Amino acid sequence: MKATRTLVVSIGAVAGLALGWFLAGRHVTRHRADLFSASRIKRLAALSYLAGQERVETVRLLKDYIAWEPTAALRKRAGRIVARLESQLT
């Protein structure tokens, strides 16, 4: 009986983790095109998505974004992402 309960709890934990992972990925994917949105939250989500895209086009896009972005904190975050991507791409 104890083994059955442990199995059920383990399956529930894995299912919850998988569902959380899926929903977080869906949220970021949905907002990846919102880099130039009026909403700061959407721009932050787009930056989070682009941080995982290791391409030259991403660096170019983020440099344009840095020139456009009115919020200093988001410009700084984008700058850190650009620096990391540039070091990885060279």
N, C-alpha and C. Protein backbone atom coordinates (compact mmCIF):
# COMPACT_ATOMS: atom_id res chain seq x y z
N MET A 1 0.82 -1.19 0.00
CA MET A 1 0.00 0.00 0.00
C MET A 1 0.86 1.25 0.00
N LYS A 2 1.95 1.25 0.78
CA LYS A 2 2.84 2.39 0.84
C LYS A 2 3.56 2.59 -0.49
N ALA A 3 3.91 1.51 -1.16
CA ALA A 3 4.57 1.60 -2.46
C ALA A 3 3.63 2.19 -3.50
N THR A 4 2.36 1.87 -3.43
CA THR A 4 1.37 2.42 -4.36
C THR A 4 1.21 3.92 -4.14
N ARG A 5 1.16 4.34 -2.90
CA ARG A 5 1.04 5.77 -2.59
C ARG A 5 2.28 6.53 -3.09
N THR A 6 3.44 5.97 -2.87
CA THR A 6 4.69 6.59 -3.33
C THR A 6 4.69 6.71 -4.85
N LEU A 7 4.23 5.69 -5.54
CA LEU A 7 4.17 5.71 -6.99
C LEU A 7 3.21 6.79 -7.48
N VAL A 8 2.04 6.88 -6.86
CA VAL A 8 1.05 7.89 -7.25
C VAL A 8 1.59 9.29 -7.01
N VAL A 9 2.23 9.53 -5.88
CA VAL A 9 2.81 10.84 -5.58
C VAL A 9 3.92 11.17 -6.57
N SER A 10 4.75 10.20 -6.89
CA SER A 10 5.83 10.42 -7.85
C SER A 10 5.29 10.76 -9.23
N ILE A 11 4.29 10.04 -9.67
CA ILE A 11 3.67 10.32 -10.98
C ILE A 11 3.03 11.70 -10.98
N GLY A 12 2.38 12.07 -9.90
CA GLY A 12 1.77 13.40 -9.79
C GLY A 12 2.81 14.51 -9.83
N ALA A 13 3.93 14.30 -9.15
CA ALA A 13 4.99 15.30 -9.15
C ALA A 13 5.60 15.47 -10.53
N VAL A 14 5.85 14.37 -11.22
CA VAL A 14 6.40 14.44 -12.58
C VAL A 14 5.40 15.10 -13.53
N ALA A 15 4.13 14.76 -13.40
CA ALA A 15 3.11 15.37 -14.25
C ALA A 15 3.01 16.87 -13.98
N GLY A 16 3.06 17.28 -12.73
CA GLY A 16 3.02 18.70 -12.38
C GLY A 16 4.22 19.45 -12.91
N LEU A 17 5.38 18.86 -12.82
CA LEU A 17 6.59 19.47 -13.35
C LEU A 17 6.51 19.61 -14.87
N ALA A 18 6.04 18.58 -15.52
CA ALA A 18 5.91 18.63 -16.99
C ALA A 18 4.89 19.69 -17.41
N LEU A 19 3.79 19.78 -16.71
CA LEU A 19 2.78 20.78 -17.03
C LEU A 19 3.32 22.20 -16.81
N GLY A 20 4.02 22.41 -15.72
CA GLY A 20 4.63 23.72 -15.45
C GLY A 20 5.64 24.10 -16.52
N TRP A 21 6.46 23.16 -16.92
CA TRP A 21 7.46 23.40 -17.97
C TRP A 21 6.77 23.77 -19.28
N PHE A 22 5.72 23.05 -19.62
CA PHE A 22 4.98 23.31 -20.85
C PHE A 22 4.35 24.71 -20.83
N LEU A 23 3.70 25.05 -19.72
CA LEU A 23 3.03 26.35 -19.64
C LEU A 23 4.02 27.51 -19.66
N ALA A 24 5.16 27.37 -19.01
CA ALA A 24 6.18 28.42 -19.04
C ALA A 24 6.73 28.59 -20.46
N GLY A 25 7.00 27.51 -21.13
CA GLY A 25 7.48 27.58 -22.51
C GLY A 25 6.45 28.19 -23.44
N ARG A 26 5.21 27.87 -23.22
CA ARG A 26 4.13 28.43 -24.04
C ARG A 26 4.01 29.94 -23.84
N HIS A 27 4.16 30.38 -22.60
CA HIS A 27 4.09 31.81 -22.30
C HIS A 27 5.21 32.56 -23.01
N VAL A 28 6.41 32.05 -22.92
CA VAL A 28 7.55 32.72 -23.56
C VAL A 28 7.41 32.68 -25.08
N THR A 29 7.01 31.56 -25.63
CA THR A 29 6.85 31.44 -27.08
C THR A 29 5.77 32.39 -27.59
N ARG A 30 4.70 32.53 -26.83
CA ARG A 30 3.61 33.41 -27.25
C ARG A 30 4.07 34.86 -27.33
N HIS A 31 5.01 35.24 -26.47
CA HIS A 31 5.44 36.63 -26.41
C HIS A 31 6.76 36.91 -27.11
N ARG A 32 7.32 35.94 -27.79
CA ARG A 32 8.63 36.15 -28.41
C ARG A 32 8.60 37.22 -29.50
N ALA A 33 7.46 37.43 -30.10
CA ALA A 33 7.35 38.44 -31.16
C ALA A 33 7.05 39.83 -30.60
N ASP A 34 6.96 39.94 -29.30
CA ASP A 34 6.58 41.20 -28.67
C ASP A 34 7.77 42.04 -28.21
N LEU A 35 8.89 41.94 -28.89
CA LEU A 35 10.09 42.65 -28.47
C LEU A 35 9.89 44.16 -28.52
N PHE A 36 9.10 44.65 -29.46
CA PHE A 36 8.87 46.09 -29.59
C PHE A 36 7.45 46.47 -29.14
N SER A 37 6.89 45.69 -28.24
CA SER A 37 5.54 45.94 -27.73
C SER A 37 5.53 47.15 -26.80
N ALA A 38 4.36 47.71 -26.57
CA ALA A 38 4.21 48.81 -25.61
C ALA A 38 4.31 48.30 -24.17
N SER A 39 4.09 47.02 -23.95
CA SER A 39 4.11 46.43 -22.61
C SER A 39 5.52 46.00 -22.21
N ARG A 40 5.99 46.48 -21.06
CA ARG A 40 7.33 46.08 -20.57
C ARG A 40 7.40 44.58 -20.29
N ILE A 41 6.32 44.03 -19.76
CA ILE A 41 6.30 42.60 -19.44
C ILE A 41 6.45 41.76 -20.70
N LYS A 42 5.78 42.16 -21.76
CA LYS A 42 5.89 41.43 -23.03
C LYS A 42 7.30 41.56 -23.60
N ARG A 43 7.90 42.74 -23.45
CA ARG A 43 9.27 42.91 -23.94
C ARG A 43 10.24 42.05 -23.13
N LEU A 44 10.01 41.96 -21.82
CA LEU A 44 10.85 41.11 -20.98
C LEU A 44 10.72 39.64 -21.37
N ALA A 45 9.49 39.20 -21.65
CA ALA A 45 9.28 37.82 -22.09
C ALA A 45 9.98 37.57 -23.42
N ALA A 46 9.92 38.54 -24.32
CA ALA A 46 10.59 38.39 -25.61
C ALA A 46 12.10 38.31 -25.43
N LEU A 47 12.65 39.11 -24.52
CA LEU A 47 14.09 39.04 -24.24
C LEU A 47 14.47 37.67 -23.68
N SER A 48 13.63 37.13 -22.81
CA SER A 48 13.90 35.80 -22.25
C SER A 48 13.94 34.74 -23.34
N TYR A 49 13.02 34.84 -24.28
CA TYR A 49 13.01 33.90 -25.39
C TYR A 49 14.27 34.07 -26.25
N LEU A 50 14.59 35.31 -26.60
CA LEU A 50 15.73 35.55 -27.49
C LEU A 50 17.06 35.20 -26.84
N ALA A 51 17.12 35.18 -25.52
CA ALA A 51 18.36 34.82 -24.84
C ALA A 51 18.79 33.39 -25.19
N GLY A 52 17.85 32.56 -25.56
CA GLY A 52 18.16 31.17 -25.92
C GLY A 52 18.39 30.94 -27.40
N GLN A 53 18.29 31.98 -28.19
CA GLN A 53 18.44 31.86 -29.65
C GLN A 53 19.85 32.30 -30.04
N GLU A 54 20.74 31.38 -30.23
CA GLU A 54 22.13 31.68 -30.52
C GLU A 54 22.35 31.82 -32.02
N ARG A 55 21.96 32.99 -32.54
CA ARG A 55 22.12 33.26 -33.97
C ARG A 55 22.60 34.69 -34.16
N VAL A 56 23.26 34.93 -35.28
CA VAL A 56 23.74 36.27 -35.60
C VAL A 56 22.56 37.22 -35.76
N GLU A 57 21.46 36.74 -36.33
CA GLU A 57 20.27 37.58 -36.52
C GLU A 57 19.73 38.07 -35.18
N THR A 58 19.83 37.23 -34.16
CA THR A 58 19.36 37.62 -32.83
C THR A 58 20.19 38.77 -32.29
N VAL A 59 21.50 38.72 -32.48
CA VAL A 59 22.38 39.79 -32.01
C VAL A 59 22.03 41.09 -32.73
N ARG A 60 21.84 41.03 -34.02
CA ARG A 60 21.48 42.23 -34.78
C ARG A 60 20.16 42.82 -34.31
N LEU A 61 19.17 41.96 -34.11
CA LEU A 61 17.87 42.41 -33.63
C LEU A 61 17.98 43.06 -32.26
N LEU A 62 18.75 42.45 -31.37
CA LEU A 62 18.89 43.00 -30.03
C LEU A 62 19.64 44.33 -30.03
N LYS A 63 20.57 44.51 -30.94
CA LYS A 63 21.25 45.81 -31.03
C LYS A 63 20.28 46.90 -31.48
N ASP A 64 19.39 46.58 -32.40
CA ASP A 64 18.34 47.53 -32.79
C ASP A 64 17.41 47.80 -31.60
N TYR A 65 17.11 46.75 -30.88
CA TYR A 65 16.23 46.88 -29.71
C TYR A 65 16.86 47.80 -28.66
N ILE A 66 18.15 47.64 -28.40
CA ILE A 66 18.84 48.46 -27.40
C ILE A 66 18.76 49.93 -27.78
N ALA A 67 18.91 50.23 -29.05
CA ALA A 67 18.82 51.62 -29.51
C ALA A 67 17.40 52.17 -29.34
N TRP A 68 16.40 51.31 -29.41
CA TRP A 68 15.01 51.73 -29.32
C TRP A 68 14.47 51.77 -27.89
N GLU A 69 14.90 50.84 -27.05
CA GLU A 69 14.30 50.62 -25.73
C GLU A 69 14.39 51.85 -24.82
N PRO A 70 13.25 52.33 -24.31
CA PRO A 70 13.26 53.50 -23.42
C PRO A 70 13.59 53.16 -21.95
N THR A 71 13.45 51.91 -21.55
CA THR A 71 13.67 51.52 -20.15
C THR A 71 15.11 51.05 -19.95
N ALA A 72 15.81 51.69 -19.03
CA ALA A 72 17.22 51.39 -18.80
C ALA A 72 17.45 49.94 -18.36
N ALA A 73 16.60 49.41 -17.51
CA ALA A 73 16.79 48.04 -17.02
C ALA A 73 16.69 47.02 -18.16
N LEU A 74 15.75 47.22 -19.07
CA LEU A 74 15.61 46.30 -20.20
C LEU A 74 16.76 46.48 -21.19
N ARG A 75 17.23 47.71 -21.36
CA ARG A 75 18.41 47.92 -22.22
C ARG A 75 19.62 47.20 -21.66
N LYS A 76 19.79 47.28 -20.34
CA LYS A 76 20.93 46.62 -19.68
C LYS A 76 20.83 45.10 -19.84
N ARG A 77 19.65 44.56 -19.65
CA ARG A 77 19.46 43.10 -19.81
C ARG A 77 19.76 42.68 -21.24
N ALA A 78 19.26 43.44 -22.20
CA ALA A 78 19.52 43.12 -23.61
C ALA A 78 21.01 43.21 -23.90
N GLY A 79 21.69 44.20 -23.32
CA GLY A 79 23.14 44.33 -23.51
C GLY A 79 23.90 43.13 -22.98
N ARG A 80 23.47 42.62 -21.84
CA ARG A 80 24.12 41.41 -21.28
C ARG A 80 23.88 40.20 -22.19
N ILE A 81 22.68 40.11 -22.73
CA ILE A 81 22.38 39.00 -23.64
C ILE A 81 23.24 39.10 -24.90
N VAL A 82 23.36 40.31 -25.45
CA VAL A 82 24.18 40.52 -26.65
C VAL A 82 25.62 40.13 -26.37
N ALA A 83 26.16 40.57 -25.24
CA ALA A 83 27.55 40.25 -24.90
C ALA A 83 27.76 38.74 -24.80
N ARG A 84 26.81 38.06 -24.16
CA ARG A 84 26.93 36.60 -24.03
C ARG A 84 26.84 35.91 -25.38
N LEU A 85 25.88 36.34 -26.19
CA LEU A 85 25.71 35.71 -27.51
C LEU A 85 26.93 35.96 -28.39
N GLU A 86 27.47 37.17 -28.35
CA GLU A 86 28.65 37.47 -29.15
C GLU A 86 29.84 36.61 -28.75
N SER A 87 29.99 36.39 -27.42
CA SER A 87 31.11 35.55 -26.97
C SER A 87 30.91 34.08 -27.37
N GLN A 88 29.65 33.64 -27.43
CA GLN A 88 29.37 32.27 -27.81
C GLN A 88 29.49 32.05 -29.32
N LEU A 89 29.18 33.08 -30.09
CA LEU A 89 29.20 32.94 -31.54
C LEU A 89 30.59 33.10 -32.15
N THR A 90 31.54 33.64 -31.38
CA THR A 90 32.89 33.80 -31.93
C THR A 90 33.80 32.71 -31.50
